[in-house]
């Protein structure tokens, strides 16, 4: 793997963690929102990622699946899904959002889970920044060998 491809891998990881941080922020912002029905209540968003290896149109032989390990690795975003956990219902007949039975429906966001997710995403982002910095230093040292 070329040292320049490391920037692509780390960059895709940083983009993925940035999306993860944005969904956490959205979830925390809507954690206390209420709705008049369980169908319209806010549901926590969760990004879906996959490791991707692209072959850039090359033909490989020598392995069972046609790969020899020279493909470019990256993190690919598959999308953002909604949590399937049930929403919380509370009896508040005086609330203007209450349904005919007097219930309001809150979001299914667990703030503790979201804070843990935020710390994890932040550290993963920082790790990718460190990978880029280390690679840059390695490239500079390699260029200094020619002096």
N, C-alpha and C. Protein backbone atom coordinates (compact mmCIF):
# COMPACT_ATOMS: atom_id res chain seq x y z
N UNK A 1 0.84 -1.18 0.00
CA UNK A 1 0.00 0.00 0.00
C UNK A 1 0.88 1.24 0.00
N UNK A 2 0.59 2.15 -0.86
CA UNK A 2 1.31 3.40 -0.93
C UNK A 2 1.00 4.25 0.31
N UNK A 3 1.96 5.04 0.72
CA UNK A 3 1.72 5.91 1.87
C UNK A 3 0.63 6.94 1.57
N UNK A 4 0.46 7.30 0.30
CA UNK A 4 -0.57 8.28 -0.05
C UNK A 4 -1.97 7.70 0.10
N UNK A 5 -2.12 6.38 -0.06
CA UNK A 5 -3.44 5.76 0.11
C UNK A 5 -3.88 5.77 1.57
N UNK A 6 -2.92 5.88 2.48
CA UNK A 6 -3.26 5.94 3.89
C UNK A 6 -4.09 7.19 4.17
N UNK A 7 -3.80 8.28 3.45
CA UNK A 7 -4.59 9.50 3.63
C UNK A 7 -6.05 9.27 3.22
N UNK A 8 -6.26 8.49 2.17
CA UNK A 8 -7.63 8.18 1.74
C UNK A 8 -8.37 7.36 2.78
N UNK A 9 -7.68 6.36 3.34
CA UNK A 9 -8.30 5.50 4.34
C UNK A 9 -8.64 6.30 5.59
N UNK A 10 -7.68 7.06 6.08
CA UNK A 10 -7.91 7.86 7.29
C UNK A 10 -8.96 8.94 7.03
N UNK A 11 -8.96 9.51 5.84
CA UNK A 11 -9.96 10.53 5.50
C UNK A 11 -11.36 9.96 5.47
N UNK A 12 -11.51 8.76 4.93
CA UNK A 12 -12.85 8.15 4.92
C UNK A 12 -13.29 7.80 6.34
N UNK A 13 -12.33 7.41 7.18
CA UNK A 13 -12.66 7.15 8.59
C UNK A 13 -13.07 8.43 9.31
N UNK A 14 -12.40 9.53 9.00
CA UNK A 14 -12.75 10.81 9.61
C UNK A 14 -14.14 11.27 9.16
N UNK A 15 -14.45 11.06 7.90
CA UNK A 15 -15.78 11.44 7.39
C UNK A 15 -16.87 10.60 8.07
N UNK A 16 -16.59 9.31 8.27
CA UNK A 16 -17.55 8.44 8.94
C UNK A 16 -17.77 8.88 10.38
N UNK A 17 -16.70 9.20 11.09
CA UNK A 17 -16.84 9.61 12.48
C UNK A 17 -17.51 10.98 12.58
N UNK A 18 -17.29 11.82 11.59
CA UNK A 18 -17.97 13.12 11.57
C UNK A 18 -19.48 12.93 11.42
N UNK A 19 -19.89 12.02 10.54
CA UNK A 19 -21.31 11.70 10.40
C UNK A 19 -21.86 11.14 11.70
N UNK A 20 -21.09 10.28 12.33
CA UNK A 20 -21.51 9.69 13.61
C UNK A 20 -21.70 10.77 14.67
N UNK A 21 -20.78 11.73 14.74
CA UNK A 21 -20.91 12.84 15.69
C UNK A 21 -22.13 13.70 15.37
N UNK A 22 -22.41 13.91 14.09
CA UNK A 22 -23.59 14.70 13.71
C UNK A 22 -24.89 14.00 14.11
N UNK A 23 -24.96 12.68 13.94
CA UNK A 23 -26.17 11.97 14.34
C UNK A 23 -26.33 11.97 15.86
N UNK A 24 -25.23 11.87 16.59
CA UNK A 24 -25.30 11.96 18.05
C UNK A 24 -25.82 13.32 18.47
N UNK A 25 -25.33 14.38 17.84
CA UNK A 25 -25.79 15.73 18.16
C UNK A 25 -27.28 15.88 17.88
N UNK A 26 -27.73 15.33 16.76
CA UNK A 26 -29.15 15.38 16.42
C UNK A 26 -29.98 14.61 17.44
N UNK A 27 -29.49 13.45 17.83
CA UNK A 27 -30.22 12.65 18.81
C UNK A 27 -30.31 13.36 20.16
N UNK A 28 -29.21 13.94 20.61
CA UNK A 28 -29.22 14.64 21.90
C UNK A 28 -30.10 15.88 21.85
N UNK A 29 -30.13 16.57 20.70
CA UNK A 29 -30.97 17.75 20.57
C UNK A 29 -32.46 17.40 20.63
N UNK A 30 -32.81 16.20 20.20
CA UNK A 30 -34.21 15.78 20.17
C UNK A 30 -34.57 14.81 21.29
N UNK A 31 -33.71 14.64 22.26
CA UNK A 31 -33.94 13.66 23.33
C UNK A 31 -35.18 13.97 24.15
N UNK A 32 -35.50 15.24 24.34
CA UNK A 32 -36.64 15.62 25.17
C UNK A 32 -37.87 16.03 24.37
N UNK A 33 -37.85 15.78 23.07
CA UNK A 33 -39.00 16.17 22.25
C UNK A 33 -40.17 15.23 22.50
N UNK A 34 -41.39 15.75 22.34
CA UNK A 34 -42.60 14.95 22.51
C UNK A 34 -43.47 15.06 21.28
N UNK A 35 -44.36 14.09 21.14
CA UNK A 35 -45.26 14.05 19.99
C UNK A 35 -46.62 13.56 20.45
N UNK A 36 -47.62 13.77 19.61
CA UNK A 36 -48.98 13.35 19.93
C UNK A 36 -49.29 11.92 19.55
N UNK A 37 -48.38 11.26 18.82
CA UNK A 37 -48.61 9.86 18.46
C UNK A 37 -47.27 9.11 18.44
N UNK A 38 -47.30 7.81 18.67
CA UNK A 38 -46.03 7.06 18.66
C UNK A 38 -45.39 6.99 17.28
N UNK A 39 -46.18 7.16 16.23
CA UNK A 39 -45.64 7.09 14.87
C UNK A 39 -44.82 8.32 14.51
N UNK A 40 -45.15 9.48 15.08
CA UNK A 40 -44.45 10.71 14.74
C UNK A 40 -43.39 11.09 15.78
N UNK A 41 -43.25 10.29 16.83
CA UNK A 41 -42.24 10.58 17.85
C UNK A 41 -40.84 10.43 17.25
N UNK A 42 -39.91 11.23 17.76
CA UNK A 42 -38.53 11.17 17.26
C UNK A 42 -37.90 9.84 17.65
N UNK A 43 -37.27 9.22 16.69
CA UNK A 43 -36.54 7.97 16.93
C UNK A 43 -35.06 8.22 16.71
N UNK A 44 -34.24 7.65 17.58
CA UNK A 44 -32.79 7.85 17.52
C UNK A 44 -32.26 7.38 16.17
N UNK A 45 -31.35 8.17 15.62
CA UNK A 45 -30.71 7.84 14.34
C UNK A 45 -29.40 7.12 14.61
N UNK A 46 -29.09 6.14 13.78
CA UNK A 46 -27.86 5.37 13.91
C UNK A 46 -27.22 5.20 12.53
N UNK A 47 -26.00 5.72 12.33
CA UNK A 47 -25.35 5.54 11.02
C UNK A 47 -24.86 4.11 10.84
N UNK A 48 -24.88 3.65 9.60
CA UNK A 48 -24.42 2.30 9.27
C UNK A 48 -23.18 2.41 8.39
N UNK A 49 -22.13 1.72 8.78
CA UNK A 49 -20.87 1.76 8.06
C UNK A 49 -20.45 0.36 7.64
N UNK A 50 -19.60 0.31 6.62
CA UNK A 50 -19.02 -0.96 6.17
C UNK A 50 -17.60 -0.70 5.70
N UNK A 51 -16.75 -1.68 5.90
CA UNK A 51 -15.40 -1.60 5.35
C UNK A 51 -15.49 -1.94 3.87
N UNK A 52 -14.85 -1.14 3.05
CA UNK A 52 -14.92 -1.35 1.60
C UNK A 52 -13.53 -1.54 1.04
N UNK A 53 -13.38 -2.48 0.14
CA UNK A 53 -12.14 -2.67 -0.59
C UNK A 53 -12.47 -2.58 -2.06
N UNK A 54 -11.89 -1.60 -2.72
CA UNK A 54 -12.15 -1.39 -4.14
C UNK A 54 -10.94 -1.82 -4.93
N UNK A 55 -11.18 -2.44 -6.06
CA UNK A 55 -10.09 -2.96 -6.88
C UNK A 55 -9.71 -2.04 -8.02
N UNK A 56 -10.38 -0.94 -8.18
CA UNK A 56 -10.05 0.07 -9.20
C UNK A 56 -9.97 -0.52 -10.60
N UNK A 57 -10.85 -1.47 -10.89
CA UNK A 57 -10.93 -2.01 -12.24
C UNK A 57 -9.81 -2.95 -12.63
N UNK A 58 -8.98 -3.38 -11.69
CA UNK A 58 -7.88 -4.27 -12.02
C UNK A 58 -8.34 -5.73 -11.95
N UNK A 59 -7.69 -6.56 -12.73
CA UNK A 59 -7.95 -8.00 -12.70
C UNK A 59 -6.87 -8.67 -11.87
N UNK A 60 -7.27 -9.42 -10.86
CA UNK A 60 -6.30 -10.09 -10.00
C UNK A 60 -6.49 -11.59 -10.10
N UNK A 61 -5.41 -12.28 -10.00
CA UNK A 61 -5.45 -13.74 -10.00
C UNK A 61 -4.60 -14.23 -8.84
N UNK A 62 -4.77 -15.49 -8.51
CA UNK A 62 -3.91 -16.07 -7.49
C UNK A 62 -4.63 -16.36 -6.19
N UNK A 63 -5.82 -15.81 -5.97
CA UNK A 63 -6.57 -16.12 -4.77
C UNK A 63 -7.96 -16.58 -5.16
N UNK A 64 -8.64 -17.19 -4.22
CA UNK A 64 -9.96 -17.75 -4.51
C UNK A 64 -10.97 -16.68 -4.90
N UNK A 65 -10.88 -15.49 -4.30
CA UNK A 65 -11.86 -14.46 -4.62
C UNK A 65 -11.34 -13.44 -5.64
N UNK A 66 -10.17 -13.69 -6.21
CA UNK A 66 -9.64 -12.81 -7.24
C UNK A 66 -8.92 -11.59 -6.71
N UNK A 67 -8.65 -11.56 -5.41
CA UNK A 67 -7.97 -10.42 -4.82
C UNK A 67 -6.58 -10.83 -4.37
N UNK A 68 -5.67 -9.89 -4.45
CA UNK A 68 -4.33 -10.17 -3.93
C UNK A 68 -3.92 -9.19 -2.85
N UNK A 69 -4.88 -8.42 -2.32
CA UNK A 69 -4.59 -7.51 -1.22
C UNK A 69 -4.16 -6.13 -1.65
N UNK A 70 -4.16 -5.81 -2.95
CA UNK A 70 -3.73 -4.50 -3.41
C UNK A 70 -4.88 -3.51 -3.56
N UNK A 71 -6.08 -3.90 -3.16
CA UNK A 71 -7.21 -3.00 -3.28
C UNK A 71 -7.13 -1.86 -2.29
N UNK A 72 -7.88 -0.80 -2.56
CA UNK A 72 -7.90 0.35 -1.67
C UNK A 72 -8.97 0.15 -0.61
N UNK A 73 -8.58 0.26 0.64
CA UNK A 73 -9.52 0.12 1.74
C UNK A 73 -10.11 1.47 2.09
N UNK A 74 -11.33 1.46 2.59
CA UNK A 74 -11.98 2.70 3.00
C UNK A 74 -13.19 2.35 3.86
N UNK A 75 -13.76 3.36 4.48
CA UNK A 75 -15.01 3.21 5.21
C UNK A 75 -16.10 3.76 4.33
N UNK A 76 -17.13 2.96 4.13
CA UNK A 76 -18.24 3.37 3.28
C UNK A 76 -19.48 3.56 4.15
N UNK A 77 -20.22 4.62 3.93
CA UNK A 77 -21.46 4.88 4.67
C UNK A 77 -22.60 4.21 3.92
N UNK A 78 -23.30 3.32 4.61
CA UNK A 78 -24.43 2.63 4.00
C UNK A 78 -25.73 3.42 4.15
N UNK A 79 -25.76 4.29 5.13
CA UNK A 79 -26.96 5.09 5.37
C UNK A 79 -27.16 5.35 6.85
N UNK A 80 -28.30 5.93 7.16
CA UNK A 80 -28.66 6.21 8.55
C UNK A 80 -30.00 5.55 8.81
N UNK A 81 -30.03 4.71 9.83
CA UNK A 81 -31.28 4.02 10.17
C UNK A 81 -31.87 4.60 11.44
N UNK A 82 -33.14 4.28 11.67
CA UNK A 82 -33.80 4.71 12.90
C UNK A 82 -33.85 3.55 13.87
N UNK A 83 -33.69 3.87 15.15
CA UNK A 83 -33.72 2.85 16.19
C UNK A 83 -35.12 2.23 16.27
N UNK A 84 -35.17 0.95 16.54
CA UNK A 84 -36.44 0.24 16.64
C UNK A 84 -36.93 0.08 18.08
N UNK A 85 -36.20 0.69 19.02
CA UNK A 85 -36.64 0.63 20.42
C UNK A 85 -37.99 1.33 20.55
N UNK A 86 -38.83 0.88 21.48
CA UNK A 86 -40.14 1.53 21.65
C UNK A 86 -39.99 2.94 22.21
N UNK A 87 -40.92 3.81 21.84
CA UNK A 87 -40.92 5.17 22.37
C UNK A 87 -41.61 5.17 23.73
N UNK A 88 -41.29 6.16 24.52
CA UNK A 88 -41.83 6.26 25.88
C UNK A 88 -43.14 7.04 25.84
N UNK A 89 -44.13 6.56 26.57
CA UNK A 89 -45.39 7.29 26.65
C UNK A 89 -45.59 7.79 28.09
N UNK A 90 -46.13 9.01 28.21
CA UNK A 90 -46.39 9.60 29.52
C UNK A 90 -47.80 10.18 29.52
N UNK A 91 -48.45 10.04 30.66
CA UNK A 91 -49.80 10.60 30.80
C UNK A 91 -49.68 12.05 31.22
N UNK A 92 -49.99 12.95 30.29
CA UNK A 92 -49.97 14.40 30.53
C UNK A 92 -51.17 15.03 29.84
N UNK A 93 -52.35 14.94 30.46
CA UNK A 93 -53.56 15.44 29.79
C UNK A 93 -53.54 16.95 29.55
N UNK A 94 -52.74 17.71 30.30
CA UNK A 94 -52.70 19.16 30.11
C UNK A 94 -51.75 19.60 29.01
N UNK A 95 -50.97 18.68 28.47
CA UNK A 95 -50.02 19.03 27.42
C UNK A 95 -50.76 19.26 26.10
N UNK A 96 -50.47 20.36 25.39
CA UNK A 96 -51.16 20.61 24.12
C UNK A 96 -50.86 19.55 23.05
N UNK A 97 -49.79 18.79 23.21
CA UNK A 97 -49.46 17.74 22.24
C UNK A 97 -50.12 16.41 22.58
N UNK A 98 -50.86 16.32 23.69
CA UNK A 98 -51.45 15.05 24.13
C UNK A 98 -52.51 14.56 23.15
N UNK A 99 -52.59 13.24 23.03
CA UNK A 99 -53.62 12.66 22.17
C UNK A 99 -54.96 12.64 22.91
N UNK A 100 -55.97 12.01 22.34
CA UNK A 100 -57.31 11.98 22.93
C UNK A 100 -57.31 11.30 24.30
N UNK A 101 -56.39 10.38 24.54
CA UNK A 101 -56.32 9.68 25.83
C UNK A 101 -55.49 10.43 26.86
N UNK A 102 -54.86 11.53 26.47
CA UNK A 102 -54.05 12.33 27.39
C UNK A 102 -52.59 11.93 27.43
N UNK A 103 -52.15 11.12 26.47
CA UNK A 103 -50.75 10.66 26.46
C UNK A 103 -49.92 11.46 25.47
N UNK A 104 -48.68 11.70 25.84
CA UNK A 104 -47.68 12.24 24.92
C UNK A 104 -46.60 11.19 24.77
N UNK A 105 -45.93 11.21 23.64
CA UNK A 105 -44.93 10.19 23.33
C UNK A 105 -43.57 10.86 23.14
N UNK A 106 -42.62 10.44 23.95
CA UNK A 106 -41.28 11.00 23.89
C UNK A 106 -40.39 10.21 22.94
N UNK A 107 -39.20 10.71 22.76
CA UNK A 107 -38.26 10.02 21.88
C UNK A 107 -37.70 8.78 22.55
N UNK A 108 -37.09 7.93 21.76
CA UNK A 108 -36.46 6.73 22.31
C UNK A 108 -34.95 6.89 22.45
N UNK A 109 -34.49 8.13 22.55
CA UNK A 109 -33.07 8.43 22.68
C UNK A 109 -32.64 8.19 24.12
N UNK A 110 -31.57 7.42 24.29
CA UNK A 110 -30.97 7.21 25.60
C UNK A 110 -29.74 8.12 25.68
N UNK A 111 -29.80 9.20 26.47
CA UNK A 111 -28.69 10.15 26.50
C UNK A 111 -27.36 9.53 26.94
N UNK A 112 -27.40 8.54 27.82
CA UNK A 112 -26.16 7.89 28.27
C UNK A 112 -25.50 7.18 27.10
N UNK A 113 -26.29 6.42 26.34
CA UNK A 113 -25.75 5.73 25.16
C UNK A 113 -25.18 6.73 24.16
N UNK A 114 -25.86 7.84 23.99
CA UNK A 114 -25.41 8.84 23.02
C UNK A 114 -24.10 9.50 23.47
N UNK A 115 -23.94 9.74 24.77
CA UNK A 115 -22.70 10.33 25.25
C UNK A 115 -21.53 9.35 25.08
N UNK A 116 -21.77 8.07 25.33
CA UNK A 116 -20.74 7.06 25.10
C UNK A 116 -20.39 6.99 23.62
N UNK A 117 -21.39 7.04 22.77
CA UNK A 117 -21.19 7.04 21.33
C UNK A 117 -20.39 8.26 20.89
N UNK A 118 -20.67 9.42 21.50
CA UNK A 118 -19.97 10.64 21.17
C UNK A 118 -18.49 10.55 21.55
N UNK A 119 -18.20 10.02 22.72
CA UNK A 119 -16.81 9.87 23.16
C UNK A 119 -16.06 8.91 22.24
N UNK A 120 -16.71 7.81 21.90
CA UNK A 120 -16.09 6.82 21.00
C UNK A 120 -15.81 7.42 19.62
N UNK A 121 -16.77 8.15 19.07
CA UNK A 121 -16.59 8.75 17.75
C UNK A 121 -15.50 9.82 17.79
N UNK A 122 -15.46 10.59 18.85
CA UNK A 122 -14.44 11.63 18.98
C UNK A 122 -13.04 11.02 19.05
N UNK A 123 -12.89 9.95 19.81
CA UNK A 123 -11.58 9.30 19.91
C UNK A 123 -11.18 8.63 18.60
N UNK A 124 -12.14 8.05 17.90
CA UNK A 124 -11.83 7.45 16.61
C UNK A 124 -11.39 8.52 15.62
N UNK A 125 -12.05 9.66 15.64
CA UNK A 125 -11.66 10.77 14.77
C UNK A 125 -10.24 11.22 15.10
N UNK A 126 -9.95 11.37 16.40
CA UNK A 126 -8.60 11.78 16.82
C UNK A 126 -7.55 10.76 16.40
N UNK A 127 -7.89 9.47 16.47
CA UNK A 127 -6.94 8.43 16.03
C UNK A 127 -6.64 8.56 14.54
N UNK A 128 -7.65 8.85 13.75
CA UNK A 128 -7.42 9.03 12.31
C UNK A 128 -6.57 10.26 12.02
N UNK A 129 -6.74 11.31 12.81
CA UNK A 129 -5.90 12.50 12.67
C UNK A 129 -4.45 12.13 12.98
N UNK A 130 -4.24 11.33 14.02
CA UNK A 130 -2.89 10.90 14.38
C UNK A 130 -2.27 10.03 13.29
N UNK A 131 -3.08 9.19 12.67
CA UNK A 131 -2.58 8.38 11.55
C UNK A 131 -2.09 9.28 10.43
N UNK A 132 -2.88 10.31 10.11
CA UNK A 132 -2.48 11.24 9.04
C UNK A 132 -1.21 11.99 9.41
N UNK A 133 -1.12 12.46 10.65
CA UNK A 133 0.08 13.18 11.08
C UNK A 133 1.32 12.29 11.05
N UNK A 134 1.19 11.06 11.50
CA UNK A 134 2.32 10.13 11.49
C UNK A 134 2.76 9.82 10.07
N UNK A 135 1.80 9.63 9.18
CA UNK A 135 2.11 9.36 7.78
C UNK A 135 2.81 10.56 7.15
N UNK A 136 2.34 11.75 7.46
CA UNK A 136 2.98 12.95 6.94
C UNK A 136 4.42 13.05 7.42
N UNK A 137 4.65 12.77 8.70
CA UNK A 137 6.01 12.81 9.24
C UNK A 137 6.89 11.76 8.56
N UNK A 138 6.33 10.59 8.30
CA UNK A 138 7.07 9.52 7.62
C UNK A 138 7.45 9.94 6.20
N UNK A 139 6.54 10.59 5.50
CA UNK A 139 6.84 11.06 4.15
C UNK A 139 7.92 12.14 4.17
N UNK A 140 7.86 13.04 5.13
CA UNK A 140 8.87 14.09 5.24
C UNK A 140 10.24 13.47 5.53
N UNK A 141 10.27 12.49 6.43
CA UNK A 141 11.54 11.82 6.75
C UNK A 141 12.08 11.09 5.51
N UNK A 142 11.19 10.50 4.73
CA UNK A 142 11.62 9.81 3.51
C UNK A 142 12.21 10.80 2.52
N UNK A 143 11.59 11.97 2.41
CA UNK A 143 12.13 12.98 1.51
C UNK A 143 13.48 13.52 2.00
N UNK A 144 13.65 13.57 3.31
CA UNK A 144 14.91 14.05 3.89
C UNK A 144 16.05 13.09 3.63
N UNK A 145 15.74 11.82 3.35
CA UNK A 145 16.80 10.84 3.06
C UNK A 145 17.55 11.20 1.78
N UNK A 146 16.89 11.88 0.88
CA UNK A 146 17.51 12.26 -0.39
C UNK A 146 18.43 13.46 -0.30
N UNK A 147 18.50 14.10 0.82
CA UNK A 147 19.34 15.31 0.95
C UNK A 147 20.79 14.95 1.17
